[in-house]
Amino acid sequence: VDGYLHSEEEKQYKKEIWEFNNREYLEEQAIKEAAAAAERRKLEEELKNCSPESLEARNLAASVTAAVAKARKVVTSESIFWCGSLCV
């Protein structure tokens, strides 16, 4: 078991090697995170200037979207089960 466990120094080397080999991926992730943060800030600014009616409409739209997504998951799961029981 001790042969499979890494010491702190080995963990650090492994981390550095992984980061070096995957630097493009890490850069892409950083760009995505920065874009998401900018979008969140933009949305928060829009919501600050939003009327109560508009805010309520946004919340309603979000809940409808979530309900539709949930319904699609349920239907898809049932469809797979139904097809699986017929095809067997």
Protein backbone atom coordinates (compact mmCIF):
# COMPACT_ATOMS: atom_id res chain seq x y z
CA VAL A 1 0.00 0.00 0.00
CA ASP A 2 2.82 2.42 0.83
CA GLY A 3 4.10 2.03 -2.73
CA TYR A 4 0.86 3.56 -4.09
CA LEU A 5 0.73 6.52 -1.74
CA HIS A 6 2.68 9.63 -2.61
CA SER A 7 4.68 11.72 -0.20
CA GLU A 8 4.01 15.47 -0.06
CA GLU A 9 7.00 16.10 -2.29
CA GLU A 10 5.80 13.56 -4.87
CA LYS A 11 2.32 15.10 -4.80
CA GLN A 12 3.81 18.52 -5.49
CA TYR A 13 5.89 17.19 -8.42
CA LYS A 14 2.88 15.38 -9.84
CA LYS A 15 0.77 18.54 -9.55
CA GLU A 16 3.43 20.66 -11.27
CA ILE A 17 3.79 18.15 -14.11
CA TRP A 18 0.02 17.95 -14.60
CA GLU A 19 -0.32 21.72 -14.64
CA PHE A 20 2.55 22.03 -17.12
CA ASN A 21 1.07 19.39 -19.44
CA ASN A 22 -2.45 20.82 -19.18
CA ARG A 23 -1.72 24.54 -19.15
CA GLU A 24 -3.92 25.17 -22.21
CA TYR A 25 -6.87 23.56 -20.44
CA LEU A 26 -6.20 25.60 -17.31
CA GLU A 27 -6.01 28.81 -19.35
CA GLU A 28 -9.32 27.98 -21.07
CA GLN A 29 -10.95 27.32 -17.71
CA ALA A 30 -9.66 30.62 -16.34
CA ILE A 31 -11.10 32.45 -19.36
CA LYS A 32 -14.46 30.71 -18.91
CA GLU A 33 -14.53 31.56 -15.20
CA ALA A 34 -13.69 35.21 -15.93
CA ALA A 35 -16.45 35.39 -18.55
CA ALA A 36 -18.95 33.81 -16.15
CA ALA A 37 -17.98 36.26 -13.42
CA ALA A 38 -18.40 39.19 -15.81
CA GLU A 39 -21.80 37.87 -16.85
CA ARG A 40 -22.84 37.51 -13.19
CA ARG A 41 -21.76 41.09 -12.47
CA LYS A 42 -23.66 42.32 -15.54
CA LEU A 43 -26.80 40.44 -14.46
CA GLU A 44 -26.52 41.77 -10.91
CA GLU A 45 -26.29 45.32 -12.26
CA GLU A 46 -29.35 44.74 -14.44
CA LEU A 47 -31.28 43.36 -11.50
CA LYS A 48 -30.43 46.38 -9.35
CA ASN A 49 -32.07 48.67 -11.91
CA CYS A 50 -34.97 46.31 -12.54
CA SER A 51 -38.60 47.08 -11.66
CA PRO A 52 -40.40 44.66 -9.31
CA GLU A 53 -42.62 43.51 -12.19
CA SER A 54 -39.64 42.71 -14.38
CA LEU A 55 -37.95 40.87 -11.53
CA GLU A 56 -41.09 38.82 -10.93
CA ALA A 57 -41.29 38.03 -14.65
CA ARG A 58 -37.66 36.85 -14.66
CA ASN A 59 -38.30 34.62 -11.65
CA LEU A 60 -41.41 33.18 -13.30
CA ALA A 61 -39.51 32.51 -16.54
CA ALA A 62 -36.71 30.80 -14.61
CA SER A 63 -39.14 28.58 -12.71
CA VAL A 64 -40.95 27.63 -15.94
CA THR A 65 -37.64 26.77 -17.59
CA ALA A 66 -36.66 24.64 -14.60
CA ALA A 67 -40.03 22.85 -14.64
CA VAL A 68 -39.74 22.10 -18.36
CA ALA A 69 -36.21 20.78 -17.91
CA LYS A 70 -37.37 18.57 -15.05
CA ALA A 71 -40.32 17.30 -17.09
CA ARG A 72 -38.01 16.44 -19.98
CA LYS A 73 -35.75 14.44 -17.67
CA VAL A 74 -38.71 12.50 -16.29
CA VAL A 75 -40.14 11.82 -19.74
CA THR A 76 -36.76 10.79 -21.07
CA SER A 77 -36.20 8.40 -18.16
CA GLU A 78 -39.66 6.89 -18.53
CA SER A 79 -39.22 6.61 -22.30
CA ILE A 80 -35.95 4.75 -21.88
CA PHE A 81 -37.53 2.42 -19.31
CA TRP A 82 -40.60 1.88 -21.51
CA CYS A 83 -38.53 1.14 -24.61
CA GLY A 84 -36.24 -1.10 -22.62
CA SER A 85 -39.14 -3.17 -21.31
CA LEU A 86 -40.69 -3.49 -24.80
CA CYS A 87 -37.45 -4.30 -26.55
CA VAL A 88 -36.49 -7.09 -24.16
